[in-house]
PDB file of N, CA and C in Angstrom:
ATOM      1  N   UNK A   1      18.711  14.704  -4.713  1.00  0.00           N
ATOM      2  CA  UNK A   1      18.547  14.090  -3.377  1.00  0.00           C
ATOM      3  C   UNK A   1      17.053  14.021  -3.013  1.00  0.00           C
ATOM      4  N   UNK A   2      16.424  15.142  -3.093  1.00  0.00           N
ATOM      5  CA  UNK A   2      15.004  15.173  -2.702  1.00  0.00           C
ATOM      6  C   UNK A   2      14.185  14.209  -3.557  1.00  0.00           C
ATOM      7  N   UNK A   3      14.447  14.216  -4.853  1.00  0.00           N
ATOM      8  CA  UNK A   3      13.689  13.334  -5.749  1.00  0.00           C
ATOM      9  C   UNK A   3      13.873  11.871  -5.344  1.00  0.00           C
ATOM     10  N   UNK A   4      15.113  11.510  -5.027  1.00  0.00           N
ATOM     11  CA  UNK A   4      15.389  10.122  -4.641  1.00  0.00           C
ATOM     12  C   UNK A   4      14.586   9.772  -3.389  1.00  0.00           C
ATOM     13  N   UNK A   5      14.592  10.654  -2.423  1.00  0.00           N
ATOM     14  CA  UNK A   5      13.859  10.396  -1.170  1.00  0.00           C
ATOM     15  C   UNK A   5      12.366  10.258  -1.476  1.00  0.00           C
ATOM     16  N   UNK A   6      11.863  11.137  -2.307  1.00  0.00           N
ATOM     17  CA  UNK A   6      10.433  11.079  -2.643  1.00  0.00           C
ATOM     18  C   UNK A   6      10.113   9.755  -3.325  1.00  0.00           C
ATOM     19  N   UNK A   7      10.981   9.345  -4.241  1.00  0.00           N
ATOM     20  CA  UNK A   7      10.753   8.083  -4.951  1.00  0.00           C
ATOM     21  C   UNK A   7      10.698   6.931  -3.940  1.00  0.00           C
ATOM     22  N   UNK A   8      11.630   6.931  -3.009  1.00  0.00           N
ATOM     23  CA  UNK A   8      11.676   5.853  -2.014  1.00  0.00           C
ATOM     24  C   UNK A   8      10.385   5.871  -1.202  1.00  0.00           C
ATOM     25  N   UNK A   9       9.963   7.035  -0.769  1.00  0.00           N
ATOM     26  CA  UNK A   9       8.746   7.152   0.050  1.00  0.00           C
ATOM     27  C   UNK A   9       7.555   6.660  -0.767  1.00  0.00           C
ATOM     28  N   UNK A  10       7.504   7.058  -2.020  1.00  0.00           N
ATOM     29  CA  UNK A  10       6.373   6.667  -2.875  1.00  0.00           C
ATOM     30  C   UNK A  10       6.339   5.154  -2.980  1.00  0.00           C
ATOM     31  N   UNK A  11       7.467   4.517  -3.221  1.00  0.00           N
ATOM     32  CA  UNK A  11       7.504   3.055  -3.338  1.00  0.00           C
ATOM     33  C   UNK A  11       6.999   2.421  -2.035  1.00  0.00           C
ATOM     34  N   UNK A  12       7.478   2.903  -0.915  1.00  0.00           N
ATOM     35  CA  UNK A  12       7.063   2.335   0.374  1.00  0.00           C
ATOM     36  C   UNK A  12       5.568   2.535   0.553  1.00  0.00           C
ATOM     37  N   UNK A  13       5.091   3.737   0.268  1.00  0.00           N
ATOM     38  CA  UNK A  13       3.661   4.015   0.432  1.00  0.00           C
ATOM     39  C   UNK A  13       2.850   3.083  -0.473  1.00  0.00           C
ATOM     40  N   UNK A  14       3.300   2.907  -1.684  1.00  0.00           N
ATOM     41  CA  UNK A  14       2.560   2.045  -2.615  1.00  0.00           C
ATOM     42  C   UNK A  14       2.478   0.625  -2.056  1.00  0.00           C
ATOM     43  N   UNK A  15       3.582   0.157  -1.506  1.00  0.00           N
ATOM     44  CA  UNK A  15       3.597  -1.201  -0.955  1.00  0.00           C
ATOM     45  C   UNK A  15       2.619  -1.292   0.217  1.00  0.00           C
ATOM     46  N   UNK A  16       2.644  -0.289   1.081  1.00  0.00           N
ATOM     47  CA  UNK A  16       1.746  -0.288   2.241  1.00  0.00           C
ATOM     48  C   UNK A  16       0.292  -0.263   1.769  1.00  0.00           C
ATOM     49  N   UNK A  17       0.032   0.566   0.793  1.00  0.00           N
ATOM     50  CA  UNK A  17      -1.339   0.675   0.276  1.00  0.00           C
ATOM     51  C   UNK A  17      -1.779  -0.666  -0.290  1.00  0.00           C
ATOM     52  N   UNK A  18      -0.892  -1.317  -1.019  1.00  0.00           N
ATOM     53  CA  UNK A  18      -1.233  -2.619  -1.607  1.00  0.00           C
ATOM     54  C   UNK A  18      -1.617  -3.597  -0.493  1.00  0.00           C
ATOM     55  N   UNK A  19      -0.843  -3.632   0.558  1.00  0.00           N
ATOM     56  CA  UNK A  19      -1.130  -4.554   1.659  1.00  0.00           C
ATOM     57  C   UNK A  19      -2.479  -4.216   2.280  1.00  0.00           C
ATOM     58  N   UNK A  20      -2.734  -2.921   2.461  1.00  0.00           N
ATOM     59  CA  UNK A  20      -4.008  -2.507   3.066  1.00  0.00           C
ATOM     60  C   UNK A  20      -5.163  -2.919   2.166  1.00  0.00           C
ATOM     61  N   UNK A  21      -4.982  -2.707   0.858  1.00  0.00           N
ATOM     62  CA  UNK A  21      -6.034  -3.066  -0.097  1.00  0.00           C
ATOM     63  C   UNK A  21      -6.313  -4.568  -0.016  1.00  0.00           C
ATOM     64  N   UNK A  22      -5.263  -5.346   0.067  1.00  0.00           N
ATOM     65  CA  UNK A  22      -5.426  -6.809   0.132  1.00  0.00           C
ATOM     66  C   UNK A  22      -6.184  -7.171   1.410  1.00  0.00           C
ATOM     67  N   UNK A  23      -5.820  -6.557   2.511  1.00  0.00           N
ATOM     68  CA  UNK A  23      -6.497  -6.847   3.785  1.00  0.00           C
ATOM     69  C   UNK A  23      -7.973  -6.464   3.691  1.00  0.00           C
ATOM     70  N   UNK A  24      -8.240  -5.299   3.105  1.00  0.00           N
ATOM     71  CA  UNK A  24      -9.637  -4.844   2.979  1.00  0.00           C
ATOM     72  C   UNK A  24     -10.402  -5.825   2.104  1.00  0.00           C
ATOM     73  N   UNK A  25      -9.788  -6.231   1.011  1.00  0.00           N
ATOM     74  CA  UNK A  25     -10.442  -7.155   0.083  1.00  0.00           C
ATOM     75  C   UNK A  25     -10.756  -8.473   0.807  1.00  0.00           C
ATOM     76  N   UNK A  26      -9.801  -8.962   1.557  1.00  0.00           N
ATOM     77  CA  UNK A  26      -9.995 -10.217   2.295  1.00  0.00           C
ATOM     78  C   UNK A  26     -11.123 -10.046   3.309  1.00  0.00           C
ATOM     79  N   UNK A  27     -11.130  -8.927   3.999  1.00  0.00           N
ATOM     80  CA  UNK A  27     -12.163  -8.663   5.009  1.00  0.00           C
ATOM     81  C   UNK A  27     -13.528  -8.647   4.333  1.00  0.00           C
ATOM     82  N   UNK A  28     -13.596  -8.030   3.182  1.00  0.00           N
ATOM     83  CA  UNK A  28     -14.872  -7.952   2.448  1.00  0.00           C
ATOM     84  C   UNK A  28     -15.338  -9.359   2.087  1.00  0.00           C
ATOM     85  N   UNK A  29     -14.426 -10.195   1.646  1.00  0.00           N
ATOM     86  CA  UNK A  29     -14.790 -11.571   1.272  1.00  0.00           C
ATOM     87  C   UNK A  29     -15.285 -12.303   2.524  1.00  0.00           C
ATOM     88  N   UNK A  30     -14.631 -12.088   3.639  1.00  0.00           N
ATOM     89  CA  UNK A  30     -15.030 -12.755   4.885  1.00  0.00           C
ATOM     90  C   UNK A  30     -16.470 -12.368   5.239  1.00  0.00           C
ATOM     91  N   UNK A  31     -16.825 -11.103   5.021  1.00  0.00           N
ATOM     92  CA  UNK A  31     -18.187 -10.646   5.352  1.00  0.00           C
ATOM     93  C   UNK A  31     -19.204 -11.435   4.536  1.00  0.00           C
ATOM     94  N   UNK A  32     -18.887 -11.647   3.260  1.00  0.00           N
ATOM     95  CA  UNK A  32     -19.815 -12.382   2.395  1.00  0.00           C
ATOM     96  C   UNK A  32     -19.771 -13.862   2.755  1.00  0.00           C
TER      97      UNK A  32
END
């Protein structure tokens, strides 16, 4: 049970991080 929950959280976190990275990358390009 715990492992499954952790896996789900990890997947969600990874997705959120990816979106944040994309936003940061876009912001950086806008600065240039």
